[in-house]
Amino acid sequence: MEKTILIKDDLRDVITAIDLSKYTLNKIKQNLFWAFFYNIVGIPIAAGILYPFTGWLLNPAIAAAAMAFSSVSVVSNSLLMKSINQKIFKFFSF
């Protein structure tokens, strides 16, 4: 069990810290899902798995753009935490 250090005398800060940690863990899981999804789908398509069935080959530039979009989606999802953090930091203000 991790230790929690309170800045103020208010025990409600512990509940807020626990809520923030749960929210952070959920974001980490979401980001891992999207990263794995893009890699599980994108790598076989870039390797040519569709070629025998459709005759399509993926242009390397499109594959690179898809991987860049993967990174952008993970970062964007992480940036959504900023609004939650601002509310919590107002709560934790000195």
PDB file of N, CA and C in Angstrom:
ATOM      1  N   MET A   1       0.845  -1.175   0.000  1.00  0.00           N
ATOM      2  CA  MET A   1       0.000   0.000   0.000  1.00  0.00           C
ATOM      3  C   MET A   1       0.885   1.231   0.000  1.00  0.00           C
ATOM      4  N   GLU A   2       0.526   2.166  -0.846  1.00  0.00           N
ATOM      5  CA  GLU A   2       1.295   3.400  -0.959  1.00  0.00           C
ATOM      6  C   GLU A   2       0.888   4.380   0.132  1.00  0.00           C
ATOM      7  N   LYS A   3       1.814   5.227   0.494  1.00  0.00           N
ATOM      8  CA  LYS A   3       1.543   6.259   1.487  1.00  0.00           C
ATOM      9  C   LYS A   3       0.997   7.497   0.797  1.00  0.00           C
ATOM     10  N   THR A   4       0.109   8.189   1.485  1.00  0.00           N
ATOM     11  CA  THR A   4      -0.447   9.440   0.988  1.00  0.00           C
ATOM     12  C   THR A   4      -0.067  10.548   1.951  1.00  0.00           C
ATOM     13  N   ILE A   5       0.480  11.610   1.412  1.00  0.00           N
ATOM     14  CA  ILE A   5       0.879  12.752   2.230  1.00  0.00           C
ATOM     15  C   ILE A   5      -0.143  13.860   2.021  1.00  0.00           C
ATOM     16  N   LEU A   6      -0.719  14.323   3.109  1.00  0.00           N
ATOM     17  CA  LEU A   6      -1.700  15.399   3.035  1.00  0.00           C
ATOM     18  C   LEU A   6      -0.999  16.732   3.239  1.00  0.00           C
ATOM     19  N   ILE A   7      -1.388  17.699   2.406  1.00  0.00           N
ATOM     20  CA  ILE A   7      -0.824  19.041   2.536  1.00  0.00           C
ATOM     21  C   ILE A   7      -1.632  19.846   3.547  1.00  0.00           C
ATOM     22  N   LYS A   8      -2.926  19.581   3.582  1.00  0.00           N
ATOM     23  CA  LYS A   8      -3.806  20.279   4.512  1.00  0.00           C
ATOM     24  C   LYS A   8      -4.327  19.272   5.541  1.00  0.00           C
ATOM     25  N   ASP A   9      -5.133  19.743   6.450  1.00  0.00           N
ATOM     26  CA  ASP A   9      -5.687  18.878   7.490  1.00  0.00           C
ATOM     27  C   ASP A   9      -6.973  18.185   7.052  1.00  0.00           C
ATOM     28  N   ASP A  10      -7.334  18.316   5.799  1.00  0.00           N
ATOM     29  CA  ASP A  10      -8.610  17.807   5.320  1.00  0.00           C
ATOM     30  C   ASP A  10      -8.454  16.374   4.802  1.00  0.00           C
ATOM     31  N   LEU A  11      -9.168  15.435   5.392  1.00  0.00           N
ATOM     32  CA  LEU A  11      -9.087  14.034   4.969  1.00  0.00           C
ATOM     33  C   LEU A  11      -9.778  13.778   3.628  1.00  0.00           C
ATOM     34  N   ARG A  12     -10.585  14.725   3.165  1.00  0.00           N
ATOM     35  CA  ARG A  12     -11.218  14.562   1.850  1.00  0.00           C
ATOM     36  C   ARG A  12     -10.183  14.584   0.733  1.00  0.00           C
ATOM     37  N   ASP A  13      -9.011  15.126   1.024  1.00  0.00           N
ATOM     38  CA  ASP A  13      -7.938  15.133   0.025  1.00  0.00           C
ATOM     39  C   ASP A  13      -7.491  13.716  -0.319  1.00  0.00           C
ATOM     40  N   VAL A  14      -7.606  12.801   0.630  1.00  0.00           N
ATOM     41  CA  VAL A  14      -7.246  11.408   0.361  1.00  0.00           C
ATOM     42  C   VAL A  14      -8.208  10.823  -0.677  1.00  0.00           C
ATOM     43  N   ILE A  15      -9.478  11.104  -0.540  1.00  0.00           N
ATOM     44  CA  ILE A  15     -10.470  10.611  -1.505  1.00  0.00           C
ATOM     45  C   ILE A  15     -10.200  11.209  -2.884  1.00  0.00           C
ATOM     46  N   THR A  16      -9.867  12.480  -2.922  1.00  0.00           N
ATOM     47  CA  THR A  16      -9.555  13.128  -4.192  1.00  0.00           C
ATOM     48  C   THR A  16      -8.314  12.505  -4.826  1.00  0.00           C
ATOM     49  N   ALA A  17      -7.308  12.222  -4.018  1.00  0.00           N
ATOM     50  CA  ALA A  17      -6.085  11.599  -4.535  1.00  0.00           C
ATOM     51  C   ALA A  17      -6.371  10.198  -5.068  1.00  0.00           C
ATOM     52  N   ILE A  18      -7.225   9.457  -4.398  1.00  0.00           N
ATOM     53  CA  ILE A  18      -7.590   8.113  -4.863  1.00  0.00           C
ATOM     54  C   ILE A  18      -8.360   8.206  -6.174  1.00  0.00           C
ATOM     55  N   ASP A  19      -9.288   9.165  -6.263  1.00  0.00           N
ATOM     56  CA  ASP A  19     -10.037   9.357  -7.513  1.00  0.00           C
ATOM     57  C   ASP A  19      -9.104   9.727  -8.667  1.00  0.00           C
ATOM     58  N   LEU A  20      -8.147  10.598  -8.402  1.00  0.00           N
ATOM     59  CA  LEU A  20      -7.186  10.990  -9.434  1.00  0.00           C
ATOM     60  C   LEU A  20      -6.340   9.802  -9.877  1.00  0.00           C
ATOM     61  N   SER A  21      -5.941   8.970  -8.933  1.00  0.00           N
ATOM     62  CA  SER A  21      -5.123   7.811  -9.304  1.00  0.00           C
ATOM     63  C   SER A  21      -5.931   6.808 -10.127  1.00  0.00           C
ATOM     64  N   LYS A  22      -7.221   6.624  -9.809  1.00  0.00           N
ATOM     65  CA  LYS A  22      -8.070   5.735 -10.607  1.00  0.00           C
ATOM     66  C   LYS A  22      -8.250   6.281 -12.021  1.00  0.00           C
ATOM     67  N   TYR A  23      -8.453   7.592 -12.112  1.00  0.00           N
ATOM     68  CA  TYR A  23      -8.615   8.222 -13.421  1.00  0.00           C
ATOM     69  C   TYR A  23      -7.344   8.083 -14.252  1.00  0.00           C
ATOM     70  N   THR A  24      -6.206   8.261 -13.609  1.00  0.00           N
ATOM     71  CA  THR A  24      -4.923   8.123 -14.299  1.00  0.00           C
ATOM     72  C   THR A  24      -4.719   6.700 -14.792  1.00  0.00           C
ATOM     73  N   LEU A  25      -5.033   5.721 -13.962  1.00  0.00           N
ATOM     74  CA  LEU A  25      -4.880   4.327 -14.364  1.00  0.00           C
ATOM     75  C   LEU A  25      -5.809   3.983 -15.532  1.00  0.00           C
ATOM     76  N   ASN A  26      -7.026   4.518 -15.521  1.00  0.00           N
ATOM     77  CA  ASN A  26      -7.937   4.295 -16.653  1.00  0.00           C
ATOM     78  C   ASN A  26      -7.389   4.895 -17.938  1.00  0.00           C
ATOM     79  N   LYS A  27      -6.791   6.087 -17.860  1.00  0.00           N
ATOM     80  CA  LYS A  27      -6.190   6.704 -19.056  1.00  0.00           C
ATOM     81  C   LYS A  27      -5.025   5.869 -19.570  1.00  0.00           C
ATOM     82  N   ILE A  28      -4.226   5.336 -18.671  1.00  0.00           N
ATOM     83  CA  ILE A  28      -3.108   4.478 -19.085  1.00  0.00           C
ATOM     84  C   ILE A  28      -3.639   3.253 -19.823  1.00  0.00           C
ATOM     85  N   LYS A  29      -4.696   2.647 -19.299  1.00  0.00           N
ATOM     86  CA  LYS A  29      -5.280   1.472 -19.957  1.00  0.00           C
ATOM     87  C   LYS A  29      -5.861   1.829 -21.326  1.00  0.00           C
ATOM     88  N   GLN A  30      -6.520   2.978 -21.421  1.00  0.00           N
ATOM     89  CA  GLN A  30      -7.050   3.418 -22.711  1.00  0.00           C
ATOM     90  C   GLN A  30      -5.932   3.636 -23.717  1.00  0.00           C
ATOM     91  N   ASN A  31      -4.858   4.280 -23.290  1.00  0.00           N
ATOM     92  CA  ASN A  31      -3.741   4.544 -24.194  1.00  0.00           C
ATOM     93  C   ASN A  31      -3.074   3.247 -24.644  1.00  0.00           C
ATOM     94  N   LEU A  32      -2.944   2.287 -23.743  1.00  0.00           N
ATOM     95  CA  LEU A  32      -2.385   0.996 -24.135  1.00  0.00           C
ATOM     96  C   LEU A  32      -3.297   0.294 -25.142  1.00  0.00           C
ATOM     97  N   PHE A  33      -4.599   0.371 -24.934  1.00  0.00           N
ATOM     98  CA  PHE A  33      -5.530  -0.242 -25.883  1.00  0.00           C
ATOM     99  C   PHE A  33      -5.343   0.338 -27.276  1.00  0.00           C
ATOM    100  N   TRP A  34      -5.330   1.683 -27.368  1.00  0.00           N
ATOM    101  CA  TRP A  34      -5.209   2.300 -28.692  1.00  0.00           C
ATOM    102  C   TRP A  34      -3.863   2.008 -29.336  1.00  0.00           C
ATOM    103  N   ALA A  35      -2.799   1.998 -28.547  1.00  0.00           N
ATOM    104  CA  ALA A  35      -1.485   1.692 -29.111  1.00  0.00           C
ATOM    105  C   ALA A  35      -1.442   0.255 -29.636  1.00  0.00           C
ATOM    106  N   PHE A  36      -1.966  -0.693 -28.854  1.00  0.00           N
ATOM    107  CA  PHE A  36      -1.986  -2.082 -29.309  1.00  0.00           C
ATOM    108  C   PHE A  36      -2.915  -2.263 -30.506  1.00  0.00           C
ATOM    109  N   PHE A  37      -4.057  -1.578 -30.494  1.00  0.00           N
ATOM    110  CA  PHE A  37      -4.992  -1.679 -31.611  1.00  0.00           C
ATOM    111  C   PHE A  37      -4.340  -1.250 -32.917  1.00  0.00           C
ATOM    112  N   TYR A  38      -3.689  -0.102 -32.902  1.00  0.00           N
ATOM    113  CA  TYR A  38      -3.041   0.382 -34.117  1.00  0.00           C
ATOM    114  C   TYR A  38      -1.939  -0.574 -34.578  1.00  0.00           C
ATOM    115  N   ASN A  39      -1.183  -1.114 -33.644  1.00  0.00           N
ATOM    116  CA  ASN A  39      -0.105  -2.015 -34.029  1.00  0.00           C
ATOM    117  C   ASN A  39      -0.625  -3.368 -34.500  1.00  0.00           C
ATOM    118  N   ILE A  40      -1.659  -3.885 -33.845  1.00  0.00           N
ATOM    119  CA  ILE A  40      -2.200  -5.183 -34.241  1.00  0.00           C
ATOM    120  C   ILE A  40      -2.853  -5.106 -35.620  1.00  0.00           C
ATOM    121  N   VAL A  41      -3.510  -4.007 -35.904  1.00  0.00           N
ATOM    122  CA  VAL A  41      -4.170  -3.853 -37.200  1.00  0.00           C
ATOM    123  C   VAL A  41      -3.200  -3.331 -38.258  1.00  0.00           C
ATOM    124  N   GLY A  42      -2.409  -2.336 -37.905  1.00  0.00           N
ATOM    125  CA  GLY A  42      -1.572  -1.651 -38.888  1.00  0.00           C
ATOM    126  C   GLY A  42      -0.380  -2.435 -39.396  1.00  0.00           C
ATOM    127  N   ILE A  43       0.288  -3.155 -38.518  1.00  0.00           N
ATOM    128  CA  ILE A  43       1.501  -3.864 -38.937  1.00  0.00           C
ATOM    129  C   ILE A  43       1.196  -4.958 -39.963  1.00  0.00           C
ATOM    130  N   PRO A  44       0.191  -5.823 -39.756  1.00  0.00           N
ATOM    131  CA  PRO A  44      -0.098  -6.821 -40.803  1.00  0.00           C
ATOM    132  C   PRO A  44      -0.525  -6.202 -42.135  1.00  0.00           C
ATOM    133  N   ILE A  45      -1.297  -5.112 -42.066  1.00  0.00           N
ATOM    134  CA  ILE A  45      -1.701  -4.460 -43.318  1.00  0.00           C
ATOM    135  C   ILE A  45      -0.484  -3.882 -44.022  1.00  0.00           C
ATOM    136  N   ALA A  46       0.419  -3.261 -43.262  1.00  0.00           N
ATOM    137  CA  ALA A  46       1.636  -2.713 -43.868  1.00  0.00           C
ATOM    138  C   ALA A  46       2.542  -3.815 -44.402  1.00  0.00           C
ATOM    139  N   ALA A  47       2.472  -4.998 -43.795  1.00  0.00           N
ATOM    140  CA  ALA A  47       3.296  -6.114 -44.257  1.00  0.00           C
ATOM    141  C   ALA A  47       2.730  -6.781 -45.506  1.00  0.00           C
ATOM    142  N   GLY A  48       1.506  -6.446 -45.887  1.00  0.00           N
ATOM    143  CA  GLY A  48       0.942  -6.977 -47.125  1.00  0.00           C
ATOM    144  C   GLY A  48      -0.018  -8.124 -46.949  1.00  0.00           C
ATOM    145  N   ILE A  49      -0.661  -8.228 -45.810  1.00  0.00           N
ATOM    146  CA  ILE A  49      -1.589  -9.345 -45.587  1.00  0.00           C
ATOM    147  C   ILE A  49      -2.808  -9.277 -46.503  1.00  0.00           C
ATOM    148  N   LEU A  50      -3.167  -8.089 -46.956  1.00  0.00           N
ATOM    149  CA  LEU A  50      -4.331  -7.941 -47.844  1.00  0.00           C
ATOM    150  C   LEU A  50      -3.995  -8.203 -49.311  1.00  0.00           C
ATOM    151  N   TYR A  51      -2.725  -8.256 -49.648  1.00  0.00           N
ATOM    152  CA  TYR A  51      -2.330  -8.391 -51.054  1.00  0.00           C
ATOM    153  C   TYR A  51      -2.866  -9.667 -51.713  1.00  0.00           C
ATOM    154  N   PRO A  52      -2.780 -10.841 -51.070  1.00  0.00           N
ATOM    155  CA  PRO A  52      -3.292 -12.048 -51.746  1.00  0.00           C
ATOM    156  C   PRO A  52      -4.797 -12.018 -52.007  1.00  0.00           C
ATOM    157  N   PHE A  53      -5.543 -11.296 -51.170  1.00  0.00           N
ATOM    158  CA  PHE A  53      -6.994 -11.286 -51.295  1.00  0.00           C
ATOM    159  C   PHE A  53      -7.509 -10.163 -52.186  1.00  0.00           C
ATOM    160  N   THR A  54      -6.876  -8.985 -52.072  1.00  0.00           N
ATOM    161  CA  THR A  54      -7.397  -7.819 -52.784  1.00  0.00           C
ATOM    162  C   THR A  54      -6.429  -7.251 -53.805  1.00  0.00           C
ATOM    163  N   GLY A  55      -5.168  -7.607 -53.700  1.00  0.00           N
ATOM    164  CA  GLY A  55      -4.162  -7.041 -54.591  1.00  0.00           C
ATOM    165  C   GLY A  55      -3.684  -5.669 -54.151  1.00  0.00           C
ATOM    166  N   TRP A  56      -4.098  -5.251 -52.941  1.00  0.00           N
ATOM    167  CA  TRP A  56      -3.711  -3.935 -52.429  1.00  0.00           C
ATOM    168  C   TRP A  56      -2.429  -4.031 -51.635  1.00  0.00           C
ATOM    169  N   LEU A  57      -1.565  -3.079 -51.865  1.00  0.00           N
ATOM    170  CA  LEU A  57      -0.374  -2.896 -51.025  1.00  0.00           C
ATOM    171  C   LEU A  57      -0.462  -1.512 -50.393  1.00  0.00           C
ATOM    172  N   LEU A  58      -0.103  -1.431 -49.157  1.00  0.00           N
ATOM    173  CA  LEU A  58      -0.182  -0.161 -48.436  1.00  0.00           C
ATOM    174  C   LEU A  58       1.051   0.671 -48.737  1.00  0.00           C
ATOM    175  N   ASN A  59       0.809   1.885 -49.157  1.00  0.00           N
ATOM    176  CA  ASN A  59       1.890   2.827 -49.406  1.00  0.00           C
ATOM    177  C   ASN A  59       2.607   3.111 -48.080  1.00  0.00           C
ATOM    178  N   PRO A  60       3.946   3.076 -48.057  1.00  0.00           N
ATOM    179  CA  PRO A  60       4.673   3.333 -46.809  1.00  0.00           C
ATOM    180  C   PRO A  60       4.360   4.697 -46.200  1.00  0.00           C
ATOM    181  N   ALA A  61       4.066   5.683 -47.030  1.00  0.00           N
ATOM    182  CA  ALA A  61       3.723   7.001 -46.498  1.00  0.00           C
ATOM    183  C   ALA A  61       2.405   6.958 -45.732  1.00  0.00           C
ATOM    184  N   ILE A  62       1.462   6.164 -46.210  1.00  0.00           N
ATOM    185  CA  ILE A  62       0.185   6.025 -45.504  1.00  0.00           C
ATOM    186  C   ILE A  62       0.386   5.256 -44.203  1.00  0.00           C
ATOM    187  N   ALA A  63       1.234   4.245 -44.229  1.00  0.00           N
ATOM    188  CA  ALA A  63       1.532   3.498 -43.008  1.00  0.00           C
ATOM    189  C   ALA A  63       2.199   4.401 -41.973  1.00  0.00           C
ATOM    190  N   ALA A  64       3.109   5.263 -42.415  1.00  0.00           N
ATOM    191  CA  ALA A  64       3.761   6.198 -41.497  1.00  0.00           C
ATOM    192  C   ALA A  64       2.756   7.195 -40.932  1.00  0.00           C
ATOM    193  N   ALA A  65       1.836   7.651 -41.762  1.00  0.00           N
ATOM    194  CA  ALA A  65       0.804   8.577 -41.285  1.00  0.00           C
ATOM    195  C   ALA A  65      -0.112   7.904 -40.263  1.00  0.00           C
ATOM    196  N   ALA A  66      -0.416   6.636 -40.486  1.00  0.00           N
ATOM    197  CA  ALA A  66      -1.255   5.903 -39.531  1.00  0.00           C
ATOM    198  C   ALA A  66      -0.551   5.749 -38.187  1.00  0.00           C
ATOM    199  N   MET A  67       0.741   5.475 -38.216  1.00  0.00           N
ATOM    200  CA  MET A  67       1.485   5.359 -36.961  1.00  0.00           C
ATOM    201  C   MET A  67       1.596   6.716 -36.274  1.00  0.00           C
ATOM    202  N   ALA A  68       1.746   7.777 -37.040  1.00  0.00           N
ATOM    203  CA  ALA A  68       1.777   9.115 -36.448  1.00  0.00           C
ATOM    204  C   ALA A  68       0.422   9.449 -35.836  1.00  0.00           C
ATOM    205  N   PHE A  69      -0.656   9.054 -36.502  1.00  0.00           N
ATOM    206  CA  PHE A  69      -1.989   9.275 -35.955  1.00  0.00           C
ATOM    207  C   PHE A  69      -2.186   8.493 -34.659  1.00  0.00           C
ATOM    208  N   SER A  70      -1.571   7.321 -34.573  1.00  0.00           N
ATOM    209  CA  SER A  70      -1.628   6.536 -33.343  1.00  0.00           C
ATOM    210  C   SER A  70      -1.021   7.325 -32.188  1.00  0.00           C
ATOM    211  N   SER A  71       0.117   7.910 -32.428  1.00  0.00           N
ATOM    212  CA  SER A  71       0.770   8.706 -31.387  1.00  0.00           C
ATOM    213  C   SER A  71      -0.055   9.932 -31.029  1.00  0.00           C
ATOM    214  N   VAL A  72      -0.622  10.569 -32.042  1.00  0.00           N
ATOM    215  CA  VAL A  72      -1.445  11.756 -31.794  1.00  0.00           C
ATOM    216  C   VAL A  72      -2.681  11.399 -30.973  1.00  0.00           C
ATOM    217  N   SER A  73      -3.301  10.273 -31.265  1.00  0.00           N
ATOM    218  CA  SER A  73      -4.498   9.888 -30.516  1.00  0.00           C
ATOM    219  C   SER A  73      -4.172   9.568 -29.063  1.00  0.00           C
ATOM    220  N   VAL A  74      -3.036   8.937 -28.818  1.00  0.00           N
ATOM    221  CA  VAL A  74      -2.635   8.634 -27.437  1.00  0.00           C
ATOM    222  C   VAL A  74      -2.326   9.924 -26.681  1.00  0.00           C
ATOM    223  N   VAL A  75      -1.611  10.834 -27.306  1.00  0.00           N
ATOM    224  CA  VAL A  75      -1.287  12.106 -26.649  1.00  0.00           C
ATOM    225  C   VAL A  75      -2.554  12.921 -26.419  1.00  0.00           C
ATOM    226  N   SER A  76      -3.450  12.949 -27.391  1.00  0.00           N
ATOM    227  CA  SER A  76      -4.704  13.689 -27.225  1.00  0.00           C
ATOM    228  C   SER A  76      -5.536  13.122 -26.087  1.00  0.00           C
ATOM    229  N   ASN A  77      -5.582  11.809 -25.997  1.00  0.00           N
ATOM    230  CA  ASN A  77      -6.312  11.174 -24.904  1.00  0.00           C
ATOM    231  C   ASN A  77      -5.689  11.532 -23.556  1.00  0.00           C
ATOM    232  N   SER A  78      -4.387  11.600 -23.498  1.00  0.00           N
ATOM    233  CA  SER A  78      -3.718  11.977 -22.252  1.00  0.00           C
ATOM    234  C   SER A  78      -3.969  13.439 -21.899  1.00  0.00           C
ATOM    235  N   LEU A  79      -4.061  14.283 -22.901  1.00  0.00           N
ATOM    236  CA  LEU A  79      -4.297  15.702 -22.639  1.00  0.00           C
ATOM    237  C   LEU A  79      -5.696  15.973 -22.082  1.00  0.00           C
ATOM    238  N   LEU A  80      -6.601  15.027 -22.254  1.00  0.00           N
ATOM    239  CA  LEU A  80      -7.927  15.187 -21.662  1.00  0.00           C
ATOM    240  C   LEU A  80      -7.859  15.217 -20.137  1.00  0.00           C
ATOM    241  N   MET A  81      -6.783  14.694 -19.587  1.00  0.00           N
ATOM    242  CA  MET A  81      -6.617  14.699 -18.130  1.00  0.00           C
ATOM    243  C   MET A  81      -6.378  16.106 -17.598  1.00  0.00           C
ATOM    244  N   LYS A  82      -5.972  17.006 -18.460  1.00  0.00           N
ATOM    245  CA  LYS A  82      -5.653  18.360 -18.016  1.00  0.00           C
ATOM    246  C   LYS A  82      -6.856  19.042 -17.376  1.00  0.00           C
ATOM    247  N   SER A  83      -8.039  18.846 -17.927  1.00  0.00           N
ATOM    248  CA  SER A  83      -9.230  19.474 -17.353  1.00  0.00           C
ATOM    249  C   SER A  83      -9.542  18.906 -15.973  1.00  0.00           C
ATOM    250  N   ILE A  84      -9.345  17.621 -15.800  1.00  0.00           N
ATOM    251  CA  ILE A  84      -9.573  17.009 -14.493  1.00  0.00           C
ATOM    252  C   ILE A  84      -8.522  17.496 -13.504  1.00  0.00           C
ATOM    253  N   ASN A  85      -7.276  17.574 -13.942  1.00  0.00           N
ATOM    254  CA  ASN A  85      -6.207  18.021 -13.056  1.00  0.00           C
ATOM    255  C   ASN A  85      -6.422  19.458 -12.598  1.00  0.00           C
ATOM    256  N   GLN A  86      -6.934  20.314 -13.461  1.00  0.00           N
ATOM    257  CA  GLN A  86      -7.159  21.703 -13.060  1.00  0.00           C
ATOM    258  C   GLN A  86      -8.223  21.783 -11.976  1.00  0.00           C
ATOM    259  N   LYS A  87      -9.260  20.974 -12.079  1.00  0.00           N
ATOM    260  CA  LYS A  87     -10.283  20.957 -11.041  1.00  0.00           C
ATOM    261  C   LYS A  87      -9.700  20.459  -9.722  1.00  0.00           C
ATOM    262  N   ILE A  88      -8.863  19.447  -9.794  1.00  0.00           N
ATOM    263  CA  ILE A  88      -8.284  18.888  -8.575  1.00  0.00           C
ATOM    264  C   ILE A  88      -7.258  19.844  -7.972  1.00  0.00           C
ATOM    265  N   PHE A  89      -6.472  20.501  -8.824  1.00  0.00           N
ATOM    266  CA  PHE A  89      -5.486  21.441  -8.288  1.00  0.00           C
ATOM    267  C   PHE A  89      -6.163  22.629  -7.608  1.00  0.00           C
ATOM    268  N   LYS A  90      -7.342  23.028  -8.096  1.00  0.00           N
ATOM    269  CA  LYS A  90      -8.088  24.075  -7.416  1.00  0.00           C
ATOM    270  C   LYS A  90      -8.529  23.581  -6.038  1.00  0.00           C
ATOM    271  N   PHE A  91      -8.874  22.301  -5.974  1.00  0.00           N
ATOM    272  CA  PHE A  91      -9.278  21.720  -4.703  1.00  0.00           C
ATOM    273  C   PHE A  91      -8.105  21.648  -3.732  1.00  0.00           C
ATOM    274  N   PHE A  92      -6.928  21.340  -4.271  1.00  0.00           N
ATOM    275  CA  PHE A  92      -5.732  21.207  -3.446  1.00  0.00           C
ATOM    276  C   PHE A  92      -5.029  22.538  -3.190  1.00  0.00           C
ATOM    277  N   SER A  93      -5.586  23.646  -3.648  1.00  0.00           N
ATOM    278  CA  SER A  93      -4.890  24.930  -3.520  1.00  0.00           C
ATOM    279  C   SER A  93      -4.618  25.268  -2.066  1.00  0.00           C
ATOM    280  N   PHE A  94      -3.541  25.979  -1.844  1.00  0.00           N
ATOM    281  CA  PHE A  94      -3.091  26.278  -0.472  1.00  0.00           C
ATOM    282  C   PHE A  94      -3.804  27.469   0.071  1.00  0.00           C
TER     283      PHE A  94
END
